[in-house]
Structure formats: structure tokens, C-alpha cells
C-alpha atoms as a PDB file:
ATOM      1  CA  MET A   1    -168.545  18.180  -2.814  1.00  0.00           C
ATOM      2  CA  GLN A   2    -169.251  21.640  -1.560  1.00  0.00           C
ATOM      3  CA  GLN A   3    -171.794  20.337   0.970  1.00  0.00           C
ATOM      4  CA  ALA A   4    -169.304  17.707   2.151  1.00  0.00           C
ATOM      5  CA  VAL A   5    -166.757  20.483   2.776  1.00  0.00           C
ATOM      6  CA  LYS A   6    -169.342  22.431   4.780  1.00  0.00           C
ATOM      7  CA  LEU A   7    -169.872  19.285   6.878  1.00  0.00           C
ATOM      8  CA  GLN A   8    -166.068  18.862   7.203  1.00  0.00           C
ATOM      9  CA  MET A   9    -166.151  15.446   5.532  1.00  0.00           C
ATOM     10  CA  ILE A  10    -163.204  13.855   3.729  1.00  0.00           C
ATOM     11  CA  LEU A  11    -163.513  13.841  -0.065  1.00  0.00           C
ATOM     12  CA  LEU A  12    -161.890  11.054  -2.056  1.00  0.00           C
ATOM     13  CA  ILE A  13    -161.112  12.445  -5.517  1.00  0.00           C
ATOM     14  CA  ASP A  14    -160.636   9.871  -8.264  1.00  0.00           C
ATOM     15  CA  GLY A  15    -160.144  10.485 -11.975  1.00  0.00           C
ATOM     16  CA  PHE A  16    -160.035  13.436 -14.311  1.00  0.00           C
ATOM     17  CA  ILE A  17    -163.696  14.457 -13.977  1.00  0.00           C
ATOM     18  CA  GLY A  18    -163.487  14.287 -10.188  1.00  0.00           C
ATOM     19  CA  ALA A  19    -160.365  16.440 -10.259  1.00  0.00           C
ATOM     20  CA  ALA A  20    -162.107  18.970 -12.500  1.00  0.00           C
ATOM     21  CA  ALA A  21    -165.046  19.154 -10.076  1.00  0.00           C
ATOM     22  CA  ALA A  22    -162.629  19.474  -7.150  1.00  0.00           C
ATOM     23  CA  ARG A  23    -160.952  22.418  -8.866  1.00  0.00           C
ATOM     24  CA  ILE A  24    -164.306  24.209  -9.126  1.00  0.00           C
ATOM     25  CA  VAL A  25    -165.097  23.519  -5.478  1.00  0.00           C
ATOM     26  CA  CYS A  26    -161.694  24.904  -4.453  1.00  0.00           C
ATOM     27  CA  ALA A  27    -162.423  28.077  -6.404  1.00  0.00           C
ATOM     28  CA  LEU A  28    -165.721  28.457  -4.523  1.00  0.00           C
ATOM     29  CA  SER A  29    -164.419  27.369  -1.104  1.00  0.00           C
ATOM     30  CA  PRO A  30    -160.694  28.063  -0.673  1.00  0.00           C
ATOM     31  CA  ASN A  31    -160.403  25.804   2.397  1.00  0.00           C
ATOM     32  CA  ALA A  32    -161.885  22.808   0.539  1.00  0.00           C
ATOM     33  CA  GLN A  33    -158.554  21.298  -0.454  1.00  0.00           C
ATOM     34  CA  GLN A  34    -157.739  20.415   3.145  1.00  0.00           C
ATOM     35  CA  TYR A  35    -160.583  17.863   3.029  1.00  0.00           C
ATOM     36  CA  MET A  36    -159.494  16.235  -0.245  1.00  0.00           C
ATOM     37  CA  ILE A  37    -157.508  13.060  -0.802  1.00  0.00           C
ATOM     38  CA  PHE A  38    -156.515  12.408  -4.405  1.00  0.00           C
ATOM     39  CA  ALA A  39    -156.600   8.677  -5.136  1.00  0.00           C
ATOM     40  CA  HIS A  40    -156.226   8.452  -8.904  1.00  0.00           C
ATOM     41  CA  CYS A  41    -152.753   7.844 -10.233  1.00  0.00           C
ATOM     42  CA  SER A  42    -152.335   7.009 -13.891  1.00  0.00           C
ATOM     43  CA  GLY A  43    -150.326   7.838 -16.977  1.00  0.00           C
ATOM     44  CA  GLU A  44    -153.027  10.021 -18.536  1.00  0.00           C
ATOM     45  CA  THR A  45    -151.578  12.798 -20.661  1.00  0.00           C
ATOM     46  CA  LYS A  46    -154.353  15.300 -19.980  1.00  0.00           C
ATOM     47  CA  PRO A  47    -153.455  18.862 -18.999  1.00  0.00           C
ATOM     48  CA  SER A  48    -152.538  19.262 -15.348  1.00  0.00           C
ATOM     49  CA  MET A  49    -155.439  19.725 -12.963  1.00  0.00           C
ATOM     50  CA  ARG A  50    -153.310  20.906 -10.058  1.00  0.00           C
ATOM     51  CA  ILE A  51    -155.298  22.746  -7.468  1.00  0.00           C
END
């Protein structure tokens, strides 16, 4: 993910694990979120992974 951000590629984030990885990337590269599209939408009751 971090390399994709460096290359200014769009990241499609899907699922809880993907969201967790995206959160780490955003902590390392603050501008990373502008390249992310979150595609997973479900009724999971996991803690919020808002970035």
C-alpha cells in the first residue's frame, strides 16, 4: 500500500484486515487517504477503524 501511494495509485480497501493495514499506512504517510476508496460495507460489529 505504501508503495502504491508513492506511485499515486488508487487503493481499493476491502474488509477489516485491509482497513487495519490502511490505518497503518495513513499513520506512516498522512496523504495516503486521498488515494483510498473503501469498498467494504457490512454489518460487522468490530471496533471502528475510521482513519
